[in-house]
Amino acid sequence: MNSRCAMEICSEIRMKRWEMMELAKMYGLGHEYTLRQSEQLDKLINEYLILQHHSSEVRNKREEMVVIVQQPFNDDITF
């Protein structure tokens, strides 16, 4: 699967949904054309959900990171 942005996939989902509804109007819900379009729509929705899940995991990992900054040693520190 190539890397695509969420907006691009959403646009494809909208178009595929519209095409499926048009096919359903012309041929009916159980027709092979409509069902094939529905399967393609499902694949796009799954791709979108996987992308969103991955984005969420990356965001969470970034928030969990601990950054250690090296500071110069200072002789004036007293304990």
PDB file of N, CA and C in Angstrom:
ATOM      1  N   MET A   1       0.853  -1.166   0.000  1.00  0.00           N
ATOM      2  CA  MET A   1       0.000   0.000   0.000  1.00  0.00           C
ATOM      3  C   MET A   1       0.905   1.237   0.000  1.00  0.00           C
ATOM      4  N   ASN A   2       0.669   2.107  -0.988  1.00  0.00           N
ATOM      5  CA  ASN A   2       1.491   3.310  -1.009  1.00  0.00           C
ATOM      6  C   ASN A   2       1.005   4.292   0.043  1.00  0.00           C
ATOM      7  N   SER A   3       1.892   5.171   0.418  1.00  0.00           N
ATOM      8  CA  SER A   3       1.584   6.124   1.476  1.00  0.00           C
ATOM      9  C   SER A   3       0.764   7.273   0.905  1.00  0.00           C
ATOM     10  N   ARG A   4      -0.456   7.418   1.418  1.00  0.00           N
ATOM     11  CA  ARG A   4      -1.333   8.494   0.966  1.00  0.00           C
ATOM     12  C   ARG A   4      -1.840   9.241   2.175  1.00  0.00           C
ATOM     13  N   CYS A   5      -2.223  10.488   1.959  1.00  0.00           N
ATOM     14  CA  CYS A   5      -2.695  11.288   3.079  1.00  0.00           C
ATOM     15  C   CYS A   5      -4.180  11.016   3.333  1.00  0.00           C
ATOM     16  N   ALA A   6      -4.605  11.309   4.537  1.00  0.00           N
ATOM     17  CA  ALA A   6      -5.984  11.060   4.954  1.00  0.00           C
ATOM     18  C   ALA A   6      -6.973  11.839   4.100  1.00  0.00           C
ATOM     19  N   MET A   7      -6.631  13.071   3.733  1.00  0.00           N
ATOM     20  CA  MET A   7      -7.551  13.879   2.925  1.00  0.00           C
ATOM     21  C   MET A   7      -7.786  13.259   1.552  1.00  0.00           C
ATOM     22  N   GLU A   8      -6.748  12.703   0.971  1.00  0.00           N
ATOM     23  CA  GLU A   8      -6.869  12.055  -0.334  1.00  0.00           C
ATOM     24  C   GLU A   8      -7.783  10.835  -0.235  1.00  0.00           C
ATOM     25  N   ILE A   9      -7.593  10.046   0.808  1.00  0.00           N
ATOM     26  CA  ILE A   9      -8.417   8.852   0.993  1.00  0.00           C
ATOM     27  C   ILE A   9      -9.866   9.251   1.261  1.00  0.00           C
ATOM     28  N   CYS A  10     -10.087  10.288   2.068  1.00  0.00           N
ATOM     29  CA  CYS A  10     -11.453  10.761   2.342  1.00  0.00           C
ATOM     30  C   CYS A  10     -12.150  11.184   1.063  1.00  0.00           C
ATOM     31  N   SER A  11     -11.423  11.844   0.200  1.00  0.00           N
ATOM     32  CA  SER A  11     -11.984  12.270  -1.080  1.00  0.00           C
ATOM     33  C   SER A  11     -12.397  11.057  -1.913  1.00  0.00           C
ATOM     34  N   GLU A  12     -11.542  10.050  -1.941  1.00  0.00           N
ATOM     35  CA  GLU A  12     -11.862   8.819  -2.668  1.00  0.00           C
ATOM     36  C   GLU A  12     -13.066   8.112  -2.051  1.00  0.00           C
ATOM     37  N   ILE A  13     -13.154   8.124  -0.729  1.00  0.00           N
ATOM     38  CA  ILE A  13     -14.287   7.492  -0.043  1.00  0.00           C
ATOM     39  C   ILE A  13     -15.583   8.182  -0.443  1.00  0.00           C
ATOM     40  N   ARG A  14     -15.578   9.515  -0.443  1.00  0.00           N
ATOM     41  CA  ARG A  14     -16.790  10.259  -0.832  1.00  0.00           C
ATOM     42  C   ARG A  14     -17.216   9.909  -2.255  1.00  0.00           C
ATOM     43  N   MET A  15     -16.252   9.879  -3.173  1.00  0.00           N
ATOM     44  CA  MET A  15     -16.553   9.569  -4.569  1.00  0.00           C
ATOM     45  C   MET A  15     -17.059   8.135  -4.712  1.00  0.00           C
ATOM     46  N   LYS A  16     -16.391   7.210  -4.050  1.00  0.00           N
ATOM     47  CA  LYS A  16     -16.782   5.799  -4.146  1.00  0.00           C
ATOM     48  C   LYS A  16     -18.171   5.576  -3.558  1.00  0.00           C
ATOM     49  N   ARG A  17     -18.475   6.276  -2.461  1.00  0.00           N
ATOM     50  CA  ARG A  17     -19.800   6.167  -1.843  1.00  0.00           C
ATOM     51  C   ARG A  17     -20.876   6.687  -2.804  1.00  0.00           C
ATOM     52  N   TRP A  18     -20.595   7.826  -3.442  1.00  0.00           N
ATOM     53  CA  TRP A  18     -21.549   8.400  -4.394  1.00  0.00           C
ATOM     54  C   TRP A  18     -21.771   7.434  -5.559  1.00  0.00           C
ATOM     55  N   GLU A  19     -20.676   6.876  -6.103  1.00  0.00           N
ATOM     56  CA  GLU A  19     -20.784   5.922  -7.206  1.00  0.00           C
ATOM     57  C   GLU A  19     -21.601   4.704  -6.795  1.00  0.00           C
ATOM     58  N   MET A  20     -21.380   4.206  -5.590  1.00  0.00           N
ATOM     59  CA  MET A  20     -22.116   3.043  -5.105  1.00  0.00           C
ATOM     60  C   MET A  20     -23.607   3.347  -4.995  1.00  0.00           C
ATOM     61  N   MET A  21     -23.945   4.530  -4.483  1.00  0.00           N
ATOM     62  CA  MET A  21     -25.359   4.888  -4.353  1.00  0.00           C
ATOM     63  C   MET A  21     -26.015   5.019  -5.729  1.00  0.00           C
ATOM     64  N   GLU A  22     -25.289   5.547  -6.701  1.00  0.00           N
ATOM     65  CA  GLU A  22     -25.830   5.644  -8.061  1.00  0.00           C
ATOM     66  C   GLU A  22     -26.060   4.250  -8.653  1.00  0.00           C
ATOM     67  N   LEU A  23     -25.111   3.355  -8.444  1.00  0.00           N
ATOM     68  CA  LEU A  23     -25.279   1.982  -8.931  1.00  0.00           C
ATOM     69  C   LEU A  23     -26.459   1.302  -8.249  1.00  0.00           C
ATOM     70  N   ALA A  24     -26.621   1.545  -6.959  1.00  0.00           N
ATOM     71  CA  ALA A  24     -27.742   0.953  -6.220  1.00  0.00           C
ATOM     72  C   ALA A  24     -29.070   1.470  -6.763  1.00  0.00           C
ATOM     73  N   LYS A  25     -29.132   2.744  -7.121  1.00  0.00           N
ATOM     74  CA  LYS A  25     -30.363   3.299  -7.708  1.00  0.00           C
ATOM     75  C   LYS A  25     -30.672   2.647  -9.051  1.00  0.00           C
ATOM     76  N   MET A  26     -29.618   2.425  -9.855  1.00  0.00           N
ATOM     77  CA  MET A  26     -29.809   1.878 -11.200  1.00  0.00           C
ATOM     78  C   MET A  26     -30.063   0.376 -11.193  1.00  0.00           C
ATOM     79  N   TYR A  27     -29.309  -0.368 -10.382  1.00  0.00           N
ATOM     80  CA  TYR A  27     -29.343  -1.827 -10.463  1.00  0.00           C
ATOM     81  C   TYR A  27     -29.905  -2.517  -9.228  1.00  0.00           C
ATOM     82  N   GLY A  28     -29.995  -1.801  -8.117  1.00  0.00           N
ATOM     83  CA  GLY A  28     -30.456  -2.404  -6.870  1.00  0.00           C
ATOM     84  C   GLY A  28     -29.290  -2.715  -5.942  1.00  0.00           C
ATOM     85  N   LEU A  29     -29.625  -2.901  -4.668  1.00  0.00           N
ATOM     86  CA  LEU A  29     -28.591  -3.110  -3.650  1.00  0.00           C
ATOM     87  C   LEU A  29     -27.839  -4.427  -3.795  1.00  0.00           C
ATOM     88  N   GLY A  30     -28.522  -5.469  -4.283  1.00  0.00           N
ATOM     89  CA  GLY A  30     -27.902  -6.786  -4.351  1.00  0.00           C
ATOM     90  C   GLY A  30     -27.188  -7.080  -5.652  1.00  0.00           C
ATOM     91  N   HIS A  31     -27.167  -6.137  -6.573  1.00  0.00           N
ATOM     92  CA  HIS A  31     -26.534  -6.375  -7.870  1.00  0.00           C
ATOM     93  C   HIS A  31     -25.017  -6.449  -7.734  1.00  0.00           C
ATOM     94  N   GLU A  32     -24.421  -7.240  -8.610  1.00  0.00           N
ATOM     95  CA  GLU A  32     -22.972  -7.454  -8.579  1.00  0.00           C
ATOM     96  C   GLU A  32     -22.193  -6.139  -8.675  1.00  0.00           C
ATOM     97  N   TYR A  33     -22.620  -5.212  -9.518  1.00  0.00           N
ATOM     98  CA  TYR A  33     -21.928  -3.922  -9.658  1.00  0.00           C
ATOM     99  C   TYR A  33     -21.918  -3.153  -8.337  1.00  0.00           C
ATOM    100  N   THR A  34     -23.089  -3.123  -7.689  1.00  0.00           N
ATOM    101  CA  THR A  34     -23.214  -2.401  -6.424  1.00  0.00           C
ATOM    102  C   THR A  34     -22.361  -3.059  -5.347  1.00  0.00           C
ATOM    103  N   LEU A  35     -22.403  -4.380  -5.297  1.00  0.00           N
ATOM    104  CA  LEU A  35     -21.632  -5.109  -4.285  1.00  0.00           C
ATOM    105  C   LEU A  35     -20.126  -4.935  -4.497  1.00  0.00           C
ATOM    106  N   ARG A  36     -19.688  -4.944  -5.752  1.00  0.00           N
ATOM    107  CA  ARG A  36     -18.273  -4.737  -6.040  1.00  0.00           C
ATOM    108  C   ARG A  36     -17.831  -3.337  -5.597  1.00  0.00           C
ATOM    109  N   GLN A  37     -18.688  -2.358  -5.871  1.00  0.00           N
ATOM    110  CA  GLN A  37     -18.382  -0.988  -5.458  1.00  0.00           C
ATOM    111  C   GLN A  37     -18.329  -0.888  -3.932  1.00  0.00           C
ATOM    112  N   SER A  38     -19.231  -1.602  -3.263  1.00  0.00           N
ATOM    113  CA  SER A  38     -19.265  -1.615  -1.800  1.00  0.00           C
ATOM    114  C   SER A  38     -17.975  -2.208  -1.230  1.00  0.00           C
ATOM    115  N   GLU A  39     -17.481  -3.268  -1.852  1.00  0.00           N
ATOM    116  CA  GLU A  39     -16.224  -3.879  -1.406  1.00  0.00           C
ATOM    117  C   GLU A  39     -15.054  -2.911  -1.570  1.00  0.00           C
ATOM    118  N   GLN A  40     -15.036  -2.179  -2.678  1.00  0.00           N
ATOM    119  CA  GLN A  40     -13.974  -1.196  -2.895  1.00  0.00           C
ATOM    120  C   GLN A  40     -14.059  -0.076  -1.857  1.00  0.00           C
ATOM    121  N   LEU A  41     -15.286   0.330  -1.535  1.00  0.00           N
ATOM    122  CA  LEU A  41     -15.492   1.351  -0.507  1.00  0.00           C
ATOM    123  C   LEU A  41     -14.987   0.849   0.845  1.00  0.00           C
ATOM    124  N   ASP A  42     -15.297  -0.402   1.172  1.00  0.00           N
ATOM    125  CA  ASP A  42     -14.813  -0.995   2.430  1.00  0.00           C
ATOM    126  C   ASP A  42     -13.286  -0.957   2.512  1.00  0.00           C
ATOM    127  N   LYS A  43     -12.617  -1.279   1.405  1.00  0.00           N
ATOM    128  CA  LYS A  43     -11.150  -1.268   1.391  1.00  0.00           C
ATOM    129  C   LYS A  43     -10.606   0.135   1.651  1.00  0.00           C
ATOM    130  N   LEU A  44     -11.240   1.132   1.044  1.00  0.00           N
ATOM    131  CA  LEU A  44     -10.801   2.514   1.269  1.00  0.00           C
ATOM    132  C   LEU A  44     -11.008   2.933   2.719  1.00  0.00           C
ATOM    133  N   ILE A  45     -12.158   2.560   3.277  1.00  0.00           N
ATOM    134  CA  ILE A  45     -12.443   2.907   4.675  1.00  0.00           C
ATOM    135  C   ILE A  45     -11.430   2.233   5.596  1.00  0.00           C
ATOM    136  N   ASN A  46     -11.120   0.966   5.327  1.00  0.00           N
ATOM    137  CA  ASN A  46     -10.112   0.261   6.133  1.00  0.00           C
ATOM    138  C   ASN A  46      -8.741   0.921   6.011  1.00  0.00           C
ATOM    139  N   GLU A  47      -8.383   1.322   4.801  1.00  0.00           N
ATOM    140  CA  GLU A  47      -7.101   2.007   4.598  1.00  0.00           C
ATOM    141  C   GLU A  47      -7.058   3.300   5.417  1.00  0.00           C
ATOM    142  N   TYR A  48      -8.159   4.033   5.408  1.00  0.00           N
ATOM    143  CA  TYR A  48      -8.239   5.281   6.172  1.00  0.00           C
ATOM    144  C   TYR A  48      -8.100   5.009   7.671  1.00  0.00           C
ATOM    145  N   LEU A  49      -8.810   3.997   8.168  1.00  0.00           N
ATOM    146  CA  LEU A  49      -8.756   3.679   9.599  1.00  0.00           C
ATOM    147  C   LEU A  49      -7.359   3.236  10.027  1.00  0.00           C
ATOM    148  N   ILE A  50      -6.700   2.454   9.184  1.00  0.00           N
ATOM    149  CA  ILE A  50      -5.331   2.018   9.486  1.00  0.00           C
ATOM    150  C   ILE A  50      -4.404   3.226   9.537  1.00  0.00           C
ATOM    151  N   LEU A  51      -4.564   4.128   8.577  1.00  0.00           N
ATOM    152  CA  LEU A  51      -3.746   5.346   8.560  1.00  0.00           C
ATOM    153  C   LEU A  51      -3.976   6.179   9.815  1.00  0.00           C
ATOM    154  N   GLN A  52      -5.224   6.333  10.226  1.00  0.00           N
ATOM    155  CA  GLN A  52      -5.542   7.114  11.421  1.00  0.00           C
ATOM    156  C   GLN A  52      -4.991   6.439  12.676  1.00  0.00           C
ATOM    157  N   HIS A  53      -5.102   5.118  12.737  1.00  0.00           N
ATOM    158  CA  HIS A  53      -4.585   4.378  13.895  1.00  0.00           C
ATOM    159  C   HIS A  53      -3.067   4.548  13.984  1.00  0.00           C
ATOM    160  N   HIS A  54      -2.405   4.427  12.836  1.00  0.00           N
ATOM    161  CA  HIS A  54      -0.948   4.589  12.813  1.00  0.00           C
ATOM    162  C   HIS A  54      -0.561   6.006  13.234  1.00  0.00           C
ATOM    163  N   SER A  55      -1.282   7.002  12.741  1.00  0.00           N
ATOM    164  CA  SER A  55      -1.001   8.396  13.119  1.00  0.00           C
ATOM    165  C   SER A  55      -1.158   8.591  14.613  1.00  0.00           C
ATOM    166  N   SER A  56      -2.177   7.972  15.173  1.00  0.00           N
ATOM    167  CA  SER A  56      -2.433   8.073  16.608  1.00  0.00           C
ATOM    168  C   SER A  56      -1.299   7.433  17.395  1.00  0.00           C
ATOM    169  N   GLU A  57      -0.821   6.271  16.935  1.00  0.00           N
ATOM    170  CA  GLU A  57       0.286   5.598  17.622  1.00  0.00           C
ATOM    171  C   GLU A  57       1.541   6.454  17.585  1.00  0.00           C
ATOM    172  N   VAL A  58       1.824   7.062  16.452  1.00  0.00           N
ATOM    173  CA  VAL A  58       3.012   7.912  16.320  1.00  0.00           C
ATOM    174  C   VAL A  58       2.896   9.105  17.253  1.00  0.00           C
ATOM    175  N   ARG A  59       1.713   9.727  17.303  1.00  0.00           N
ATOM    176  CA  ARG A  59       1.502  10.867  18.199  1.00  0.00           C
ATOM    177  C   ARG A  59       1.711  10.458  19.645  1.00  0.00           C
ATOM    178  N   ASN A  60       1.159   9.307  20.025  1.00  0.00           N
ATOM    179  CA  ASN A  60       1.306   8.832  21.405  1.00  0.00           C
ATOM    180  C   ASN A  60       2.764   8.542  21.733  1.00  0.00           C
ATOM    181  N   LYS A  61       3.493   7.939  20.818  1.00  0.00           N
ATOM    182  CA  LYS A  61       4.910   7.640  21.053  1.00  0.00           C
ATOM    183  C   LYS A  61       5.691   8.934  21.245  1.00  0.00           C
ATOM    184  N   ARG A  62       5.381   9.940  20.445  1.00  0.00           N
ATOM    185  CA  ARG A  62       6.076  11.216  20.555  1.00  0.00           C
ATOM    186  C   ARG A  62       5.830  11.847  21.916  1.00  0.00           C
ATOM    187  N   GLU A  63       4.599  11.728  22.419  1.00  0.00           N
ATOM    188  CA  GLU A  63       4.264  12.300  23.723  1.00  0.00           C
ATOM    189  C   GLU A  63       4.945  11.550  24.865  1.00  0.00           C
ATOM    190  N   GLU A  64       5.238  10.257  24.654  1.00  0.00           N
ATOM    191  CA  GLU A  64       5.855   9.447  25.702  1.00  0.00           C
ATOM    192  C   GLU A  64       7.377   9.596  25.738  1.00  0.00           C
ATOM    193  N   MET A  65       7.954  10.209  24.725  1.00  0.00           N
ATOM    194  CA  MET A  65       9.411  10.330  24.661  1.00  0.00           C
ATOM    195  C   MET A  65       9.951  11.162  25.812  1.00  0.00           C
ATOM    196  N   VAL A  66      11.109  10.743  26.277  1.00  0.00           N
ATOM    197  CA  VAL A  66      11.824  11.502  27.300  1.00  0.00           C
ATOM    198  C   VAL A  66      13.077  12.042  26.629  1.00  0.00           C
ATOM    199  N   VAL A  67      13.282  13.314  26.753  1.00  0.00           N
ATOM    200  CA  VAL A  67      14.452  13.931  26.138  1.00  0.00           C
ATOM    201  C   VAL A  67      15.450  14.254  27.237  1.00  0.00           C
ATOM    202  N   ILE A  68      16.670  13.785  27.052  1.00  0.00           N
ATOM    203  CA  ILE A  68      17.739  14.059  28.014  1.00  0.00           C
ATOM    204  C   ILE A  68      18.660  15.083  27.373  1.00  0.00           C
ATOM    205  N   VAL A  69      18.817  16.188  28.046  1.00  0.00           N
ATOM    206  CA  VAL A  69      19.664  17.265  27.541  1.00  0.00           C
ATOM    207  C   VAL A  69      20.920  17.324  28.390  1.00  0.00           C
ATOM    208  N   GLN A  70      22.046  17.245  27.735  1.00  0.00           N
ATOM    209  CA  GLN A  70      23.311  17.320  28.460  1.00  0.00           C
ATOM    210  C   GLN A  70      23.603  18.780  28.779  1.00  0.00           C
ATOM    211  N   GLN A  71      23.886  19.039  30.052  1.00  0.00           N
ATOM    212  CA  GLN A  71      24.228  20.392  30.481  1.00  0.00           C
ATOM    213  C   GLN A  71      25.673  20.396  30.943  1.00  0.00           C
ATOM    214  N   PRO A  72      26.326  21.529  30.790  1.00  0.00           N
ATOM    215  CA  PRO A  72      27.727  21.595  31.219  1.00  0.00           C
ATOM    216  C   PRO A  72      27.836  21.381  32.723  1.00  0.00           C
ATOM    217  N   PHE A  73      28.919  20.742  33.114  1.00  0.00           N
ATOM    218  CA  PHE A  73      29.166  20.505  34.531  1.00  0.00           C
ATOM    219  C   PHE A  73      29.480  21.829  35.215  1.00  0.00           C
ATOM    220  N   ASN A  74      28.865  22.046  36.381  1.00  0.00           N
ATOM    221  CA  ASN A  74      29.046  23.302  37.106  1.00  0.00           C
ATOM    222  C   ASN A  74      29.616  22.989  38.485  1.00  0.00           C
ATOM    223  N   ASP A  75      30.792  23.515  38.800  1.00  0.00           N
ATOM    224  CA  ASP A  75      31.440  23.276  40.091  1.00  0.00           C
ATOM    225  C   ASP A  75      30.740  23.992  41.232  1.00  0.00           C
ATOM    226  N   ASP A  76      29.867  24.928  40.935  1.00  0.00           N
ATOM    227  CA  ASP A  76      29.217  25.728  41.972  1.00  0.00           C
ATOM    228  C   ASP A  76      28.024  25.025  42.617  1.00  0.00           C
ATOM    229  N   ILE A  77      27.710  23.835  42.174  1.00  0.00           N
ATOM    230  CA  ILE A  77      26.544  23.131  42.722  1.00  0.00           C
ATOM    231  C   ILE A  77      26.881  22.628  44.116  1.00  0.00           C
ATOM    232  N   THR A  78      26.011  22.904  45.068  1.00  0.00           N
ATOM    233  CA  THR A  78      26.208  22.415  46.438  1.00  0.00           C
ATOM    234  C   THR A  78      25.085  21.455  46.780  1.00  0.00           C
ATOM    235  N   PHE A  79      25.408  20.475  47.567  1.00  0.00           N
ATOM    236  CA  PHE A  79      24.412  19.477  47.974  1.00  0.00           C
ATOM    237  C   PHE A  79      24.090  19.611  49.423  1.00  0.00           C
TER     238      PHE A  79
END
